[in-house]
Protein backbone atom coordinates (compact mmCIF):
# COMPACT_ATOMS: atom_id res chain seq x y z
CA MET A 1 -11.74 -6.82 8.25
CA GLY A 2 -8.71 -9.53 7.71
CA ILE A 3 -8.13 -12.48 5.52
CA SER A 4 -8.99 -14.73 8.64
CA GLU A 5 -12.53 -12.82 8.89
CA THR A 6 -12.92 -12.86 5.09
CA CYS A 7 -12.20 -16.73 4.71
CA SER A 8 -13.83 -17.87 7.99
CA GLY A 9 -11.62 -20.53 8.82
CA SER A 10 -11.49 -21.96 5.13
CA THR A 11 -7.78 -23.43 4.60
CA ALA A 12 -8.19 -23.11 0.81
CA CYS A 13 -9.44 -19.50 0.94
CA THR A 14 -6.79 -18.57 2.89
CA ILE A 15 -4.02 -19.99 0.82
CA VAL A 16 -5.17 -18.27 -2.23
CA LEU A 17 -5.66 -14.67 -0.35
CA GLN A 18 -3.02 -14.85 1.56
CA TYR A 19 -0.02 -16.69 -0.62
CA VAL A 20 -1.56 -17.51 -4.20
CA ILE A 21 -2.84 -14.18 -5.18
CA PRO A 22 0.31 -11.75 -4.12
CA SER A 23 2.43 -14.38 -5.17
CA LEU A 24 0.88 -13.79 -8.72
CA GLY A 25 0.96 -10.11 -8.14
CA ALA A 26 4.45 -10.08 -7.39
CA ILE A 27 5.35 -11.95 -10.48
CA ALA A 28 3.13 -9.57 -12.55
CA SER A 29 4.74 -6.66 -11.04
CA CYS A 30 8.16 -7.81 -12.14
CA CYS A 31 6.98 -8.50 -15.72
CA LEU A 32 6.02 -5.11 -16.04
CA CYS A 33 8.66 -3.68 -14.49
CA ILE A 34 11.35 -4.96 -17.35
CA SER A 35 9.00 -3.82 -19.87
CA PRO A 36 10.91 -0.52 -20.61
CA LEU A 37 14.27 -2.66 -21.49
CA PRO A 38 13.58 -2.90 -25.27
CA THR A 39 13.28 1.09 -25.02
CA VAL A 40 16.10 1.73 -23.18
CA ASN A 41 18.20 -0.81 -25.27
CA ARG A 42 17.40 1.07 -28.42
CA CYS A 43 18.18 4.33 -26.88
CA VAL A 44 21.80 3.06 -25.38
CA LEU A 45 22.38 1.57 -29.03
CA ASP A 46 21.49 4.73 -30.61
CA ARG A 47 23.43 6.78 -28.10
CA LYS A 48 20.63 9.25 -27.95
CA THR A 49 17.08 9.13 -25.98
CA GLY A 50 15.19 11.36 -28.54
CA SER A 51 11.88 12.35 -27.42
CA THR A 52 12.25 9.42 -24.50
CA ASN A 53 11.34 10.94 -21.39
CA THR A 54 14.01 10.18 -18.51
CA LEU A 55 11.92 11.63 -15.82
CA PRO A 56 9.53 8.71 -15.29
CA TYR A 57 12.05 6.42 -14.66
CA ALA A 58 13.40 8.58 -11.62
CA LEU A 59 9.79 8.91 -10.45
CA CYS A 60 9.65 5.22 -10.85
CA ALA A 61 12.58 4.40 -8.39
CA ALA A 62 10.67 6.94 -6.18
CA ASN A 63 7.78 5.31 -6.03
CA SER A 64 9.25 1.99 -5.66
CA LEU A 65 11.17 3.19 -2.48
CA VAL A 66 8.37 4.32 -0.65
CA TRP A 67 6.79 1.00 -0.87
CA ILE A 68 9.58 -0.50 0.09
CA THR A 69 9.79 1.69 3.24
CA TYR A 70 5.97 0.55 3.69
CA SER A 71 6.50 -3.08 3.49
CA TRP A 72 8.87 -2.79 6.43
CA TYR A 73 5.87 -1.32 8.42
CA ILE A 74 3.51 -4.06 7.46
CA LYS A 75 6.11 -6.74 7.34
CA ASP A 76 5.19 -8.09 4.08
CA TYR A 77 7.64 -9.94 1.65
CA PHE A 78 4.93 -9.70 -1.18
CA VAL A 79 4.98 -5.83 -1.25
CA PHE A 80 8.68 -5.59 -0.38
CA SER A 81 10.22 -8.12 -3.21
CA PRO A 82 8.80 -6.65 -6.20
CA ASN A 83 9.33 -3.09 -5.42
CA VAL A 84 13.16 -4.07 -4.72
CA PHE A 85 13.15 -5.41 -8.27
CA GLY A 86 11.08 -2.45 -9.38
CA TYR A 87 13.57 0.12 -7.42
CA LEU A 88 16.83 -1.53 -8.81
CA ALA A 89 15.37 -1.92 -12.40
CA SER A 90 14.00 2.06 -12.56
CA LEU A 91 17.18 3.02 -11.05
CA TYR A 92 19.17 0.97 -13.76
CA PHE A 93 17.28 2.82 -16.45
CA THR A 94 17.61 6.12 -15.05
CA LEU A 95 21.60 5.74 -14.88
CA VAL A 96 22.02 4.34 -18.26
CA LEU A 97 19.74 7.20 -20.07
CA LEU A 98 21.09 9.95 -18.00
CA PRO A 99 24.31 10.24 -20.15
CA ILE A 100 22.90 10.49 -23.27
CA SER A 101 20.07 12.66 -22.24
CA PRO A 102 19.85 16.43 -23.02
CA PRO A 103 21.24 18.59 -20.44
CA GLU A 104 17.92 20.08 -19.60
CA LYS A 105 16.17 16.76 -18.95
CA GLN A 106 19.47 15.38 -17.03
CA GLY A 107 18.60 18.59 -14.70
CA THR A 108 14.79 17.45 -14.31
CA THR A 109 15.70 14.06 -13.97
CA ILE A 110 18.17 14.41 -11.15
CA LYS A 111 16.20 16.78 -9.21
CA ALA A 112 13.09 14.61 -8.87
CA LEU A 113 15.12 11.41 -8.28
CA LEU A 114 17.03 13.11 -5.28
CA GLY A 115 14.37 15.07 -4.06
CA LEU A 116 11.44 12.55 -3.94
CA SER A 117 13.98 9.85 -2.41
CA GLY A 118 15.33 12.45 0.01
CA PHE A 119 11.76 13.26 1.08
CA VAL A 120 10.81 9.32 1.57
CA LEU A 121 14.14 8.90 3.43
CA ILE A 122 13.83 11.81 5.95
CA SER A 123 10.26 10.73 6.44
CA VAL A 124 11.28 7.27 7.43
CA GLY A 125 14.37 8.31 9.38
CA VAL A 126 12.12 10.79 11.74
CA LEU A 127 9.52 8.24 12.25
CA VAL A 128 12.06 5.54 13.31
CA ILE A 129 14.23 8.12 15.63
CA ALA A 130 11.40 9.75 17.01
CA ASP A 131 10.39 6.14 17.99
CA VAL A 132 6.73 6.96 16.75
CA GLU A 133 4.07 4.60 17.44
CA ARG A 134 3.75 1.58 14.77
CA GLU A 135 0.24 2.54 13.84
CA THR A 136 0.82 6.09 13.52
CA GLY A 137 4.09 5.15 11.35
CA LEU A 138 1.66 2.83 8.98
CA VAL A 139 -0.89 5.71 8.45
CA VAL A 140 1.90 8.15 7.62
CA MET A 141 3.96 5.82 5.12
CA GLY A 142 0.76 4.74 3.51
CA VAL A 143 -0.58 8.45 2.80
CA ILE A 144 3.15 9.14 1.72
CA ALA A 145 3.00 6.28 -0.68
CA ASN A 146 -0.18 7.30 -2.03
CA LEU A 147 0.77 10.70 -2.35
CA VAL A 148 3.80 9.66 -4.49
CA LEU A 149 1.56 7.83 -6.59
CA ILE A 150 -0.80 10.79 -7.57
CA ILE A 151 2.29 11.92 -9.43
CA PHE A 152 1.94 9.32 -12.05
CA TYR A 153 -1.81 9.58 -12.28
CA ALA A 154 -1.47 12.59 -14.39
CA SER A 155 0.26 11.14 -17.36
CA PRO A 156 -2.17 8.92 -18.67
CA LEU A 157 -4.62 11.51 -18.25
CA ALA A 158 -2.19 13.42 -20.89
CA VAL A 159 -2.04 10.48 -23.16
CA CYS A 160 -5.71 9.54 -22.91
CA TRP A 161 -6.64 13.03 -23.82
CA LYS A 162 -4.41 12.74 -27.03
CA VAL A 163 -5.92 9.60 -28.04
CA ILE A 164 -9.25 11.28 -27.82
CA LYS A 165 -8.05 14.33 -29.65
CA GLU A 166 -6.65 12.73 -32.41
CA ARG A 167 -9.04 9.79 -32.29
CA ASP A 168 -6.16 7.20 -32.81
CA SER A 169 -5.18 4.83 -29.82
CA SER A 170 -1.80 4.12 -31.14
CA ALA A 171 0.04 5.70 -28.05
CA LEU A 172 -1.52 2.88 -26.15
CA ASP A 173 -0.31 -0.60 -25.94
CA ALA A 174 -3.11 -3.22 -25.42
CA LEU A 175 -1.16 -6.07 -24.31
CA LEU A 176 0.30 -3.76 -21.62
CA THR A 177 -3.01 -2.02 -20.72
CA LEU A 178 -4.43 -5.71 -20.26
CA ALA A 179 -1.42 -6.87 -18.22
CA THR A 180 -1.65 -3.95 -15.85
CA ALA A 181 -5.32 -4.58 -15.56
CA ILE A 182 -4.37 -8.10 -14.53
CA ASN A 183 -1.97 -6.59 -11.88
CA CYS A 184 -4.15 -4.19 -10.55
CA ILE A 185 -7.04 -6.69 -9.94
CA LEU A 186 -4.51 -9.00 -8.14
CA TRP A 187 -3.30 -6.27 -5.79
CA SER A 188 -6.49 -4.88 -5.44
CA ALA A 189 -7.85 -8.33 -3.97
CA TYR A 190 -4.71 -8.78 -1.72
CA GLY A 191 -5.34 -5.22 -0.23
CA ILE A 192 -9.01 -5.73 0.40
CA ALA A 193 -8.24 -9.17 2.13
CA LEU A 194 -5.80 -7.82 4.13
CA GLY A 195 -8.11 -4.80 4.96
CA ASN A 196 -5.17 -2.50 4.07
CA TYR A 197 -7.05 0.43 1.80
CA PHE A 198 -3.37 1.90 1.12
CA ILE A 199 -2.69 -1.30 -1.32
CA ALA A 200 -6.51 -1.73 -2.38
CA VAL A 201 -7.39 1.96 -3.17
CA PRO A 202 -4.59 2.99 -5.58
CA ASN A 203 -4.72 -0.49 -7.54
CA GLY A 204 -8.50 0.11 -7.75
CA LEU A 205 -7.77 3.43 -9.36
CA GLY A 206 -5.09 1.87 -11.58
CA LEU A 207 -7.51 -0.50 -12.74
CA VAL A 208 -9.87 2.15 -13.66
CA PHE A 209 -7.43 3.98 -15.47
CA SER A 210 -6.60 0.45 -17.40
CA LEU A 211 -10.21 -0.07 -18.15
CA PHE A 212 -10.86 3.57 -19.46
CA GLN A 213 -7.41 2.98 -21.71
CA GLY A 214 -8.97 -0.46 -22.96
CA PHE A 215 -12.15 1.50 -23.87
CA LEU A 216 -10.05 3.96 -25.82
CA ILE A 217 -8.52 1.31 -27.70
CA TRP A 218 -11.46 -0.31 -28.62
CA ARG A 219 -13.34 2.93 -29.38
CA TYR A 220 -10.46 4.43 -31.86
CA GLY A 221 -8.46 1.54 -32.78
CA ARG A 222 -5.05 1.88 -34.29
CA ALA A 223 -4.62 4.62 -37.02
CA LYS A 224 -1.19 3.55 -37.60
CA GLN A 225 1.50 1.12 -36.33
CA ASP A 226 3.31 2.22 -33.42
CA VAL A 227 6.72 1.01 -34.73
CA GLU A 228 8.74 1.55 -31.30
CA GLY A 229 5.82 -0.43 -29.23
CA GLY A 230 5.64 2.55 -26.47
CA GLY A 231 2.70 1.96 -24.12
CA ALA A 232 0.66 4.18 -22.17
CA TYR A 233 1.60 5.49 -18.88
CA THR A 234 -0.30 3.03 -16.39
CA PRO A 235 0.09 3.57 -12.86
CA ALA A 236 -0.17 0.88 -10.13
CA ALA A 237 0.67 1.00 -6.72
CA SER A 238 3.68 -1.52 -6.51
CA GLY A 239 6.10 0.54 -8.56
CA LEU A 240 5.85 2.50 -11.88
CA LEU A 241 8.20 1.80 -14.80
CA PRO A 242 7.77 3.98 -17.48
CA ARG A 243 7.98 3.17 -21.26
CA ALA A 244 8.23 6.02 -23.83
CA ASP A 245 7.77 6.05 -28.10
CA ASP A 246 9.14 8.64 -30.16
CA ASP A 247 6.66 11.74 -29.21
CA ASP A 248 6.64 13.75 -26.32
CA SER A 249 4.07 12.20 -24.04
CA VAL A 250 5.25 10.19 -21.29
CA LYS A 251 4.13 6.46 -21.38
CA GLY A 252 4.74 3.13 -19.23
CA GLU A 253 3.63 0.77 -16.95
CA MET A 254 3.29 0.89 -12.91
CA LEU A 255 4.26 -2.05 -10.86
CA GLN A 256 2.47 -2.29 -7.90
CA ALA A 257 4.29 -2.17 -4.80
CA LYS A 258 2.37 -3.10 -1.82
């Protein structure tokens, strides 16, 4: 079922589902995309990353890249635009932090960035050069996009377990959790309206994670103030841009690339 079937000829409904919701989703994704900037600037000024993990930034770049290629197949500017922004931002964060990162983190980050990016580009290249049918290409790239997204889902589980164990939600950022939930709602609605569950399902899962984090914030409260303002890593299909505080937990936000 697509937008025309959902709206049954209603012009207002069509405009809202086809233009308003994805536009708001793209704006929300771009806002989440730049959320790591204060943390990155602090690291640059200190000339060290401390416990800030650079790996999620590289994973964000790969995640945005795969959604960019998927947007080519579905010919959707609303998916394409925020993920281009997310790719450039996450690549910038990665390249800025790499020179001041510990050697062991540099190697892991570079391998992840090159490995996943290479996998995405090779996959697209094979599909195009082999002249694979468009419908088959859509399925393959949709599956790859969601598989890359699975990598991000492990991180919030680790952070949430830490919150439950310590009975302290300081590791979670309430505003970012709320923003991510709104972002996921918008993109889930757009995916459902299009009948595209490669977009709807991962954002639906992202919404579940956000609601769970919101519950933890409500349940445990903040035993101490997180002075660095790190947020929990909350994935969304558009793209992921992480934030991290001064412990070893990976924290951040996903920009939904659709």
